Amino acid sequence: MLGGTNMVLKRWRKNQRQQQFWFDNVSKTIRNNYWKNYCLDIQNNGRSNNLRTVSGINSRWWQMFRSQGEFVINEKGKVMEVYQGLDNENQNIVMATKNGKTAQRWKIVYVDKYPGEPTKGQMNDKFGIYVDRDFHIVSAMGNNKYIDLDNSNTYLVLKIPNGRKQQVWYFSQQTMTIRSRYN
């Protein structure tokens, strides 16, 4: 986030003060922990849906927000929303009419309570897999065959356990994907 630019969705980065905000009880605004004289602001004095940060806090309705359950709502009843509901890196955050969909739901996580991302050998609870720890994917059918790569290393196939790296997988926390140890 940079002052004056649109708010965007970013993956959590450890100790990034640009991703930390605080509520200023005096101005009734949400301020940034890195640029302390910047606050959330609806562009064009509230006549736009673009949400950004600006300096020059004047506590007008387009800069005043509150948490209401899972929603971050402004004084006119609009809520923060991930634009088009797409969970993509750098997707814009905008203001929209409340519809209750997932793209409008937020969780306030206090910095001192955030456990951080799991590291090698720790469980990623969201995905239910240990990070960067080798595993096999075994079919539940009677012969307990392993998922393997075909001879071109392009497609997934079932094969008997053979000790090859094409049958060894791991979960990458960085990309949030299951990857092959072979390639």
N, C-alpha and C. Protein backbone atom coordinates (compact mmCIF):
# COMPACT_ATOMS: atom_id res chain seq x y z
N MET A 1 0.84 -1.17 0.00
CA MET A 1 0.00 0.00 0.00
C MET A 1 0.88 1.24 0.00
N LEU A 2 0.57 2.16 -0.83
CA LEU A 2 1.29 3.42 -0.90
C LEU A 2 0.26 4.53 -0.87
N GLY A 3 0.53 5.57 -0.13
CA GLY A 3 -0.44 6.65 0.01
C GLY A 3 -0.95 7.16 -1.32
N GLY A 4 -2.27 7.35 -1.41
CA GLY A 4 -2.89 7.89 -2.62
C GLY A 4 -3.24 6.85 -3.64
N THR A 5 -2.76 5.61 -3.47
CA THR A 5 -3.09 4.57 -4.43
C THR A 5 -4.19 3.69 -3.87
N ASN A 6 -4.83 2.95 -4.76
CA ASN A 6 -5.92 2.07 -4.34
C ASN A 6 -5.42 1.02 -3.37
N MET A 7 -6.29 0.65 -2.44
CA MET A 7 -6.01 -0.45 -1.54
C MET A 7 -6.09 -1.73 -2.37
N VAL A 8 -5.17 -2.66 -2.12
CA VAL A 8 -5.17 -3.92 -2.84
C VAL A 8 -4.98 -5.07 -1.87
N LEU A 9 -5.41 -6.24 -2.30
CA LEU A 9 -5.27 -7.46 -1.53
C LEU A 9 -3.86 -7.99 -1.70
N LYS A 10 -3.18 -8.25 -0.60
CA LYS A 10 -1.82 -8.78 -0.62
C LYS A 10 -1.71 -9.94 0.34
N ARG A 11 -0.88 -10.88 -0.02
CA ARG A 11 -0.60 -12.00 0.88
C ARG A 11 0.14 -11.47 2.09
N TRP A 12 -0.14 -12.03 3.26
CA TRP A 12 0.49 -11.59 4.49
C TRP A 12 2.00 -11.75 4.40
N ARG A 13 2.70 -10.73 4.82
CA ARG A 13 4.17 -10.75 4.90
C ARG A 13 4.55 -10.42 6.34
N LYS A 14 5.41 -11.21 6.90
CA LYS A 14 5.80 -11.04 8.31
C LYS A 14 6.37 -9.65 8.57
N ASN A 15 5.85 -9.03 9.61
CA ASN A 15 6.35 -7.73 10.10
C ASN A 15 6.25 -6.60 9.08
N GLN A 16 5.33 -6.65 8.15
CA GLN A 16 5.14 -5.57 7.19
C GLN A 16 4.17 -4.55 7.77
N ARG A 17 4.71 -3.44 8.26
CA ARG A 17 3.86 -2.43 8.87
C ARG A 17 2.90 -1.81 7.85
N GLN A 18 3.20 -1.89 6.56
CA GLN A 18 2.28 -1.38 5.54
C GLN A 18 0.96 -2.16 5.56
N GLN A 19 0.98 -3.39 6.10
CA GLN A 19 -0.22 -4.21 6.17
C GLN A 19 -0.89 -4.12 7.54
N GLN A 20 -0.41 -3.24 8.38
CA GLN A 20 -0.97 -3.09 9.72
C GLN A 20 -1.68 -1.74 9.83
N PHE A 21 -2.84 -1.78 10.45
CA PHE A 21 -3.66 -0.58 10.61
C PHE A 21 -4.07 -0.45 12.06
N TRP A 22 -4.50 0.74 12.42
CA TRP A 22 -4.99 0.97 13.77
C TRP A 22 -6.12 1.98 13.72
N PHE A 23 -7.02 1.87 14.68
CA PHE A 23 -8.15 2.77 14.75
C PHE A 23 -7.78 3.95 15.64
N ASP A 24 -7.88 5.15 15.08
CA ASP A 24 -7.61 6.38 15.82
C ASP A 24 -8.92 6.87 16.42
N ASN A 25 -9.05 6.75 17.72
CA ASN A 25 -10.29 7.10 18.39
C ASN A 25 -10.59 8.59 18.34
N VAL A 26 -9.56 9.42 18.18
CA VAL A 26 -9.78 10.87 18.12
C VAL A 26 -10.40 11.26 16.78
N SER A 27 -9.78 10.84 15.68
CA SER A 27 -10.28 11.22 14.35
C SER A 27 -11.35 10.26 13.84
N LYS A 28 -11.52 9.11 14.50
CA LYS A 28 -12.47 8.07 14.09
C LYS A 28 -12.14 7.51 12.71
N THR A 29 -10.84 7.44 12.42
CA THR A 29 -10.37 6.92 11.13
C THR A 29 -9.49 5.70 11.35
N ILE A 30 -9.33 4.93 10.28
CA ILE A 30 -8.41 3.78 10.30
C ILE A 30 -7.12 4.26 9.68
N ARG A 31 -6.04 4.19 10.46
CA ARG A 31 -4.75 4.72 10.04
C ARG A 31 -3.76 3.58 9.78
N ASN A 32 -2.76 3.88 8.97
CA ASN A 32 -1.74 2.89 8.62
C ASN A 32 -0.59 2.95 9.61
N ASN A 33 -0.04 1.79 9.94
CA ASN A 33 1.03 1.72 10.93
C ASN A 33 2.39 2.13 10.35
N TYR A 34 2.53 2.18 9.05
CA TYR A 34 3.79 2.59 8.43
C TYR A 34 3.77 4.08 8.11
N TRP A 35 2.71 4.51 7.43
CA TRP A 35 2.53 5.93 7.13
C TRP A 35 1.50 6.45 8.13
N LYS A 36 1.94 6.83 9.29
CA LYS A 36 1.05 7.13 10.42
C LYS A 36 0.14 8.32 10.17
N ASN A 37 0.49 9.21 9.24
CA ASN A 37 -0.39 10.34 8.96
C ASN A 37 -1.32 10.07 7.78
N TYR A 38 -1.45 8.79 7.39
CA TYR A 38 -2.35 8.39 6.31
C TYR A 38 -3.52 7.61 6.89
N CYS A 39 -4.69 7.77 6.26
CA CYS A 39 -5.87 7.02 6.70
C CYS A 39 -6.61 6.48 5.47
N LEU A 40 -7.52 5.52 5.73
CA LEU A 40 -8.39 5.03 4.65
C LEU A 40 -9.28 6.16 4.19
N ASP A 41 -9.54 6.19 2.89
CA ASP A 41 -10.29 7.29 2.30
C ASP A 41 -10.99 6.77 1.05
N ILE A 42 -12.26 7.12 0.90
CA ILE A 42 -12.97 6.81 -0.34
C ILE A 42 -12.70 7.97 -1.30
N GLN A 43 -12.13 7.64 -2.44
CA GLN A 43 -11.67 8.64 -3.41
C GLN A 43 -12.79 9.62 -3.79
N ASN A 44 -12.39 10.83 -4.17
CA ASN A 44 -13.29 11.90 -4.63
C ASN A 44 -14.33 12.26 -3.57
N ASN A 45 -13.87 12.40 -2.34
CA ASN A 45 -14.75 12.78 -1.24
C ASN A 45 -15.97 11.87 -1.14
N GLY A 46 -15.75 10.56 -1.36
CA GLY A 46 -16.82 9.59 -1.23
C GLY A 46 -17.66 9.37 -2.46
N ARG A 47 -17.36 10.08 -3.55
CA ARG A 47 -18.17 9.93 -4.78
C ARG A 47 -17.69 8.78 -5.66
N SER A 48 -16.67 8.07 -5.24
CA SER A 48 -16.13 6.94 -5.98
C SER A 48 -16.28 5.69 -5.12
N ASN A 49 -16.01 4.55 -5.68
CA ASN A 49 -15.96 3.31 -4.90
C ASN A 49 -14.53 2.92 -4.56
N ASN A 50 -13.55 3.65 -5.10
CA ASN A 50 -12.15 3.31 -4.87
C ASN A 50 -11.75 3.64 -3.44
N LEU A 51 -11.13 2.67 -2.80
CA LEU A 51 -10.63 2.85 -1.44
C LEU A 51 -9.13 3.02 -1.52
N ARG A 52 -8.63 4.04 -0.85
CA ARG A 52 -7.19 4.34 -0.91
C ARG A 52 -6.74 4.86 0.44
N THR A 53 -5.49 5.23 0.54
CA THR A 53 -4.99 5.90 1.74
C THR A 53 -4.49 7.28 1.34
N VAL A 54 -4.74 8.24 2.20
CA VAL A 54 -4.29 9.61 1.93
C VAL A 54 -3.84 10.25 3.24
N SER A 55 -3.01 11.26 3.09
CA SER A 55 -2.68 12.08 4.25
C SER A 55 -3.71 13.21 4.32
N GLY A 56 -3.67 13.98 5.33
CA GLY A 56 -4.64 15.06 5.46
C GLY A 56 -5.94 14.55 6.02
N ILE A 57 -5.89 13.96 7.18
CA ILE A 57 -7.06 13.39 7.81
C ILE A 57 -8.00 14.50 8.25
N ASN A 58 -9.24 14.45 7.73
CA ASN A 58 -10.20 15.49 8.11
C ASN A 58 -11.48 14.92 8.72
N SER A 59 -11.50 13.61 8.98
CA SER A 59 -12.61 12.95 9.67
C SER A 59 -13.96 13.23 9.03
N ARG A 60 -14.01 13.20 7.72
CA ARG A 60 -15.29 13.31 7.01
C ARG A 60 -15.86 11.90 6.86
N TRP A 61 -17.11 11.78 6.45
CA TRP A 61 -17.75 10.47 6.39
C TRP A 61 -17.00 9.50 5.48
N TRP A 62 -16.34 9.99 4.45
CA TRP A 62 -15.63 9.12 3.52
C TRP A 62 -14.29 8.63 4.08
N GLN A 63 -13.95 9.06 5.29
CA GLN A 63 -12.75 8.57 5.96
C GLN A 63 -13.07 7.85 7.28
N MET A 64 -14.33 7.74 7.61
CA MET A 64 -14.72 7.15 8.88
C MET A 64 -15.29 5.75 8.66
N PHE A 65 -14.71 4.77 9.33
CA PHE A 65 -15.08 3.36 9.20
C PHE A 65 -15.20 2.74 10.58
N ARG A 66 -15.92 1.63 10.63
CA ARG A 66 -16.01 0.88 11.87
C ARG A 66 -16.14 -0.61 11.52
N SER A 67 -15.81 -1.42 12.47
CA SER A 67 -15.98 -2.87 12.33
C SER A 67 -17.37 -3.21 12.84
N GLN A 68 -18.09 -3.98 12.03
CA GLN A 68 -19.44 -4.40 12.41
C GLN A 68 -19.55 -5.90 12.08
N GLY A 69 -19.25 -6.72 13.07
CA GLY A 69 -19.19 -8.16 12.83
C GLY A 69 -18.04 -8.47 11.89
N GLU A 70 -18.34 -9.10 10.77
CA GLU A 70 -17.31 -9.43 9.78
C GLU A 70 -17.14 -8.35 8.71
N PHE A 71 -17.77 -7.23 8.88
CA PHE A 71 -17.75 -6.19 7.86
C PHE A 71 -17.02 -4.95 8.35
N VAL A 72 -16.31 -4.28 7.42
CA VAL A 72 -15.75 -2.96 7.68
C VAL A 72 -16.64 -2.01 6.90
N ILE A 73 -17.33 -1.16 7.64
CA ILE A 73 -18.41 -0.37 7.06
C ILE A 73 -18.14 1.12 7.27
N ASN A 74 -18.59 1.95 6.31
CA ASN A 74 -18.39 3.39 6.46
C ASN A 74 -19.67 4.03 7.00
N GLU A 75 -19.62 5.33 7.20
CA GLU A 75 -20.74 6.05 7.81
C GLU A 75 -21.99 6.08 6.94
N LYS A 76 -21.87 5.80 5.64
CA LYS A 76 -23.03 5.78 4.74
C LYS A 76 -23.54 4.35 4.49
N GLY A 77 -22.95 3.36 5.17
CA GLY A 77 -23.43 2.00 5.07
C GLY A 77 -22.78 1.13 4.01
N LYS A 78 -21.80 1.65 3.28
CA LYS A 78 -21.09 0.82 2.30
C LYS A 78 -19.99 0.04 3.02
N VAL A 79 -19.65 -1.11 2.47
CA VAL A 79 -18.66 -1.99 3.09
C VAL A 79 -17.46 -2.20 2.17
N MET A 80 -16.32 -2.54 2.81
CA MET A 80 -15.13 -2.88 2.04
C MET A 80 -15.38 -4.21 1.33
N GLU A 81 -14.92 -4.29 0.08
CA GLU A 81 -15.14 -5.50 -0.72
C GLU A 81 -13.93 -5.75 -1.61
N VAL A 82 -13.59 -7.02 -1.81
CA VAL A 82 -12.57 -7.38 -2.79
C VAL A 82 -13.24 -7.28 -4.16
N TYR A 83 -12.71 -6.42 -5.03
CA TYR A 83 -13.32 -6.13 -6.33
C TYR A 83 -13.57 -7.42 -7.11
N GLN A 84 -14.77 -7.57 -7.60
CA GLN A 84 -15.23 -8.70 -8.40
C GLN A 84 -15.15 -10.03 -7.65
N GLY A 85 -14.87 -10.00 -6.35
CA GLY A 85 -14.82 -11.22 -5.55
C GLY A 85 -13.68 -12.15 -5.92
N LEU A 86 -12.64 -11.61 -6.57
CA LEU A 86 -11.52 -12.44 -7.01
C LEU A 86 -10.39 -12.40 -5.97
N ASP A 87 -10.03 -13.54 -5.46
CA ASP A 87 -9.00 -13.67 -4.43
C ASP A 87 -7.61 -13.72 -5.09
N ASN A 88 -7.25 -12.62 -5.76
CA ASN A 88 -5.99 -12.54 -6.49
C ASN A 88 -5.06 -11.53 -5.83
N GLU A 89 -3.78 -11.81 -5.88
CA GLU A 89 -2.78 -10.86 -5.40
C GLU A 89 -2.96 -9.54 -6.16
N ASN A 90 -2.93 -8.43 -5.46
CA ASN A 90 -3.07 -7.08 -6.00
C ASN A 90 -4.48 -6.75 -6.51
N GLN A 91 -5.48 -7.54 -6.14
CA GLN A 91 -6.86 -7.24 -6.51
C GLN A 91 -7.30 -6.01 -5.71
N ASN A 92 -7.96 -5.06 -6.35
CA ASN A 92 -8.40 -3.83 -5.68
C ASN A 92 -9.40 -4.10 -4.57
N ILE A 93 -9.34 -3.28 -3.54
CA ILE A 93 -10.33 -3.26 -2.47
C ILE A 93 -11.16 -2.01 -2.70
N VAL A 94 -12.47 -2.17 -2.78
CA VAL A 94 -13.37 -1.07 -3.10
C VAL A 94 -14.48 -1.01 -2.05
N MET A 95 -15.32 0.00 -2.15
CA MET A 95 -16.50 0.12 -1.31
C MET A 95 -17.71 -0.30 -2.14
N ALA A 96 -18.64 -1.03 -1.52
CA ALA A 96 -19.79 -1.54 -2.25
C ALA A 96 -21.00 -1.62 -1.32
N THR A 97 -22.17 -1.77 -1.92
CA THR A 97 -23.38 -1.99 -1.15
C THR A 97 -23.29 -3.38 -0.49
N LYS A 98 -23.66 -3.45 0.74
CA LYS A 98 -23.55 -4.69 1.50
C LYS A 98 -24.46 -5.77 0.91
N ASN A 99 -23.85 -6.94 0.60
CA ASN A 99 -24.62 -8.08 0.11
C ASN A 99 -24.33 -9.33 0.93
N GLY A 100 -23.36 -9.25 1.85
CA GLY A 100 -23.06 -10.36 2.74
C GLY A 100 -22.20 -11.46 2.16
N LYS A 101 -21.75 -11.31 0.91
CA LYS A 101 -20.93 -12.34 0.28
C LYS A 101 -19.53 -12.37 0.88
N THR A 102 -18.82 -13.44 0.62
CA THR A 102 -17.49 -13.66 1.19
C THR A 102 -16.53 -12.52 0.87
N ALA A 103 -16.62 -11.93 -0.30
CA ALA A 103 -15.70 -10.86 -0.71
C ALA A 103 -15.83 -9.63 0.18
N GLN A 104 -16.87 -9.57 0.99
CA GLN A 104 -17.08 -8.42 1.88
C GLN A 104 -16.78 -8.75 3.34
N ARG A 105 -16.42 -9.97 3.62
CA ARG A 105 -16.20 -10.40 5.00
C ARG A 105 -14.72 -10.32 5.35
N TRP A 106 -14.45 -9.77 6.51
CA TRP A 106 -13.07 -9.55 6.96
C TRP A 106 -12.92 -10.03 8.39
N LYS A 107 -11.72 -10.40 8.74
CA LYS A 107 -11.42 -10.77 10.11
C LYS A 107 -10.36 -9.79 10.61
N ILE A 108 -10.63 -9.17 11.73
CA ILE A 108 -9.64 -8.29 12.35
C ILE A 108 -8.71 -9.18 13.17
N VAL A 109 -7.43 -9.19 12.80
CA VAL A 109 -6.43 -10.01 13.51
C VAL A 109 -5.41 -9.06 14.11
N TYR A 110 -5.35 -9.03 15.42
CA TYR A 110 -4.40 -8.14 16.09
C TYR A 110 -2.98 -8.67 15.91
N VAL A 111 -2.07 -7.76 15.61
CA VAL A 111 -0.70 -8.11 15.27
C VAL A 111 -0.07 -9.00 16.33
N ASP A 112 -0.29 -8.68 17.61
CA ASP A 112 0.34 -9.47 18.67
C ASP A 112 -0.32 -10.84 18.85
N LYS A 113 -1.44 -11.08 18.19
CA LYS A 113 -2.13 -12.37 18.28
C LYS A 113 -1.97 -13.21 17.03
N TYR A 114 -1.42 -12.64 15.95
CA TYR A 114 -1.30 -13.38 14.70
C TYR A 114 -0.20 -14.44 14.82
N PRO A 115 -0.52 -15.70 14.57
CA PRO A 115 0.48 -16.75 14.76
C PRO A 115 1.55 -16.79 13.66
N GLY A 116 1.33 -16.10 12.58
CA GLY A 116 2.28 -16.14 11.47
C GLY A 116 2.03 -17.33 10.57
N GLU A 117 2.71 -17.36 9.46
CA GLU A 117 2.54 -18.47 8.53
C GLU A 117 3.34 -19.66 9.02
N PRO A 118 2.82 -20.86 8.78
CA PRO A 118 3.56 -22.04 9.20
C PRO A 118 4.87 -22.15 8.43
N THR A 119 5.87 -22.67 9.08
CA THR A 119 7.18 -22.86 8.46
C THR A 119 7.40 -24.35 8.22
N LYS A 120 8.54 -24.70 7.69
CA LYS A 120 8.85 -26.07 7.33
C LYS A 120 8.55 -27.01 8.49
N GLY A 121 7.76 -28.04 8.19
CA GLY A 121 7.41 -29.05 9.18
C GLY A 121 6.18 -28.73 10.01
N GLN A 122 5.65 -27.50 9.90
CA GLN A 122 4.45 -27.14 10.65
C GLN A 122 3.22 -27.35 9.79
N MET A 123 2.10 -27.59 10.43
CA MET A 123 0.83 -27.83 9.73
C MET A 123 0.25 -26.51 9.22
N ASN A 124 -0.16 -26.49 7.94
CA ASN A 124 -0.94 -25.38 7.42
C ASN A 124 -2.39 -25.78 7.64
N ASP A 125 -3.03 -25.21 8.66
CA ASP A 125 -4.37 -25.62 9.04
C ASP A 125 -5.39 -25.40 7.94
N LYS A 126 -5.22 -24.36 7.15
CA LYS A 126 -6.19 -24.08 6.08
C LYS A 126 -6.19 -25.19 5.04
N PHE A 127 -5.01 -25.74 4.74
CA PHE A 127 -4.90 -26.77 3.71
C PHE A 127 -4.81 -28.18 4.30
N GLY A 128 -4.54 -28.29 5.61
CA GLY A 128 -4.47 -29.59 6.26
C GLY A 128 -3.25 -30.41 5.88
N ILE A 129 -2.16 -29.73 5.52
CA ILE A 129 -0.94 -30.41 5.08
C ILE A 129 0.25 -29.76 5.77
N TYR A 130 1.25 -30.57 6.11
CA TYR A 130 2.47 -30.03 6.70
C TYR A 130 3.30 -29.34 5.62
N VAL A 131 3.91 -28.24 5.98
CA VAL A 131 4.69 -27.44 5.04
C VAL A 131 6.03 -28.09 4.76
N ASP A 132 6.37 -28.20 3.47
CA ASP A 132 7.67 -28.68 2.99
C ASP A 132 8.09 -30.00 3.62
N ARG A 133 7.10 -30.89 3.79
CA ARG A 133 7.37 -32.21 4.35
C ARG A 133 6.92 -33.24 3.31
N ASP A 134 7.83 -34.13 2.92
CA ASP A 134 7.55 -35.10 1.86
C ASP A 134 6.38 -36.00 2.21
N PHE A 135 5.55 -36.30 1.19
CA PHE A 135 4.45 -37.24 1.35
C PHE A 135 4.13 -37.91 0.02
N HIS A 136 3.40 -39.02 0.12
CA HIS A 136 2.87 -39.71 -1.05
C HIS A 136 1.36 -39.50 -1.05
N ILE A 137 0.76 -39.51 -2.21
CA ILE A 137 -0.70 -39.46 -2.32
C ILE A 137 -1.13 -40.85 -2.74
N VAL A 138 -1.82 -41.54 -1.82
CA VAL A 138 -2.14 -42.96 -2.00
C VAL A 138 -3.64 -43.11 -2.26
N SER A 139 -3.97 -43.87 -3.30
CA SER A 139 -5.35 -44.13 -3.63
C SER A 139 -6.02 -44.96 -2.53
N ALA A 140 -7.28 -44.70 -2.27
CA ALA A 140 -8.04 -45.47 -1.28
C ALA A 140 -8.57 -46.78 -1.87
N MET A 141 -8.37 -46.99 -3.16
CA MET A 141 -8.81 -48.24 -3.77
C MET A 141 -7.93 -49.38 -3.26
N GLY A 142 -8.37 -50.61 -3.45
CA GLY A 142 -7.78 -51.79 -2.83
C GLY A 142 -6.29 -51.99 -2.98
N ASN A 143 -5.67 -51.56 -4.10
CA ASN A 143 -4.25 -51.83 -4.31
C ASN A 143 -3.32 -50.75 -3.77
N ASN A 144 -3.87 -49.69 -3.16
CA ASN A 144 -3.07 -48.62 -2.54
C ASN A 144 -1.97 -48.10 -3.46
N LYS A 145 -2.33 -47.79 -4.69
CA LYS A 145 -1.34 -47.26 -5.63
C LYS A 145 -1.08 -45.80 -5.35
N TYR A 146 0.10 -45.32 -5.76
CA TYR A 146 0.54 -43.94 -5.52
C TYR A 146 0.29 -43.10 -6.76
N ILE A 147 0.02 -41.83 -6.53
CA ILE A 147 0.00 -40.90 -7.65
C ILE A 147 1.44 -40.70 -8.08
N ASP A 148 1.65 -40.75 -9.38
CA ASP A 148 2.98 -40.68 -9.98
C ASP A 148 2.86 -39.82 -11.22
N LEU A 149 3.97 -39.43 -11.78
CA LEU A 149 3.99 -38.73 -13.06
C LEU A 149 4.15 -39.76 -14.16
N ASP A 150 3.51 -39.53 -15.31
CA ASP A 150 3.68 -40.46 -16.42
C ASP A 150 5.08 -40.34 -16.99
N ASN A 151 5.39 -41.10 -18.02
CA ASN A 151 6.75 -41.13 -18.58
C ASN A 151 7.19 -39.78 -19.13
N SER A 152 6.26 -38.93 -19.53
CA SER A 152 6.63 -37.60 -20.04
C SER A 152 6.71 -36.57 -18.91
N ASN A 153 6.41 -37.01 -17.67
CA ASN A 153 6.41 -36.14 -16.49
C ASN A 153 5.43 -34.97 -16.64
N THR A 154 4.32 -35.24 -17.33
CA THR A 154 3.32 -34.23 -17.59
C THR A 154 2.00 -34.51 -16.89
N TYR A 155 1.57 -35.76 -16.89
CA TYR A 155 0.25 -36.12 -16.39
C TYR A 155 0.37 -36.97 -15.12
N LEU A 156 -0.68 -36.92 -14.32
CA LEU A 156 -0.73 -37.74 -13.12
C LEU A 156 -1.34 -39.09 -13.46
N VAL A 157 -0.71 -40.16 -12.93
CA VAL A 157 -1.19 -41.52 -13.14
C VAL A 157 -1.06 -42.28 -11.82
N LEU A 158 -1.73 -43.43 -11.73
CA LEU A 158 -1.57 -44.31 -10.57
C LEU A 158 -0.54 -45.38 -10.89
N LYS A 159 0.38 -45.62 -9.95
CA LYS A 159 1.40 -46.66 -10.11
C LYS A 159 1.65 -47.32 -8.77
N ILE A 160 2.20 -48.52 -8.83
CA ILE A 160 2.59 -49.18 -7.59
C ILE A 160 3.76 -48.41 -6.97
N PRO A 161 3.91 -48.45 -5.65
CA PRO A 161 5.04 -47.75 -5.03
C PRO A 161 6.36 -48.25 -5.61
N ASN A 162 7.22 -47.30 -6.03
CA ASN A 162 8.47 -47.69 -6.67
C ASN A 162 9.68 -46.92 -6.14
N GLY A 163 9.50 -46.04 -5.17
CA GLY A 163 10.63 -45.32 -4.58
C GLY A 163 11.16 -44.16 -5.41
N ARG A 164 10.52 -43.87 -6.54
CA ARG A 164 10.99 -42.78 -7.39
C ARG A 164 10.49 -41.44 -6.87
N LYS A 165 11.24 -40.36 -7.17
CA LYS A 165 10.85 -39.01 -6.74
C LYS A 165 9.57 -38.54 -7.40
N GLN A 166 9.18 -39.17 -8.51
CA GLN A 166 7.93 -38.80 -9.17
C GLN A 166 6.71 -39.13 -8.30
N GLN A 167 6.91 -39.89 -7.23
CA GLN A 167 5.83 -40.25 -6.32
C GLN A 167 5.91 -39.47 -5.00
N VAL A 168 6.86 -38.56 -4.92
CA VAL A 168 7.05 -37.79 -3.69
C VAL A 168 6.57 -36.36 -3.92
N TRP A 169 5.74 -35.86 -3.00
CA TRP A 169 5.12 -34.55 -3.11
C TRP A 169 5.39 -33.76 -1.84
N TYR A 170 5.22 -32.45 -1.90
CA TYR A 170 5.33 -31.60 -0.72
C TYR A 170 4.44 -30.38 -0.93
N PHE A 171 4.08 -29.75 0.19
CA PHE A 171 3.27 -28.54 0.13
C PHE A 171 4.17 -27.33 0.26
N SER A 172 4.12 -26.42 -0.71
CA SER A 172 4.91 -25.20 -0.70
C SER A 172 4.07 -24.08 -0.07
N GLN A 173 4.52 -23.57 1.08
CA GLN A 173 3.82 -22.46 1.73
C GLN A 173 3.90 -21.20 0.88
N GLN A 174 5.00 -21.01 0.18
CA GLN A 174 5.18 -19.80 -0.62
C GLN A 174 4.17 -19.70 -1.74
N THR A 175 3.92 -20.82 -2.45
CA THR A 175 2.99 -20.80 -3.57
C THR A 175 1.62 -21.36 -3.21
N MET A 176 1.51 -21.95 -2.01
CA MET A 176 0.26 -22.57 -1.54
C MET A 176 -0.20 -23.67 -2.50
N THR A 177 0.77 -24.46 -2.98
CA THR A 177 0.46 -25.54 -3.92
C THR A 177 1.17 -26.82 -3.49
N ILE A 178 0.64 -27.94 -3.97
CA ILE A 178 1.32 -29.22 -3.81
C ILE A 178 2.24 -29.37 -5.00
N ARG A 179 3.49 -29.69 -4.71
CA ARG A 179 4.51 -29.76 -5.76
C ARG A 179 5.20 -31.11 -5.76
N SER A 180 5.76 -31.46 -6.91
CA SER A 180 6.50 -32.72 -7.03
C SER A 180 7.95 -32.49 -6.63
N ARG A 181 8.52 -33.45 -5.90
CA ARG A 181 9.96 -33.38 -5.56
C ARG A 181 10.81 -33.66 -6.80
N TYR A 182 10.21 -34.31 -7.79
CA TYR A 182 10.96 -34.63 -9.00
C TYR A 182 11.22 -33.38 -9.83
N ASN A 183 10.21 -32.57 -10.02
CA ASN A 183 10.33 -31.39 -10.88
C ASN A 183 9.50 -30.27 -10.31
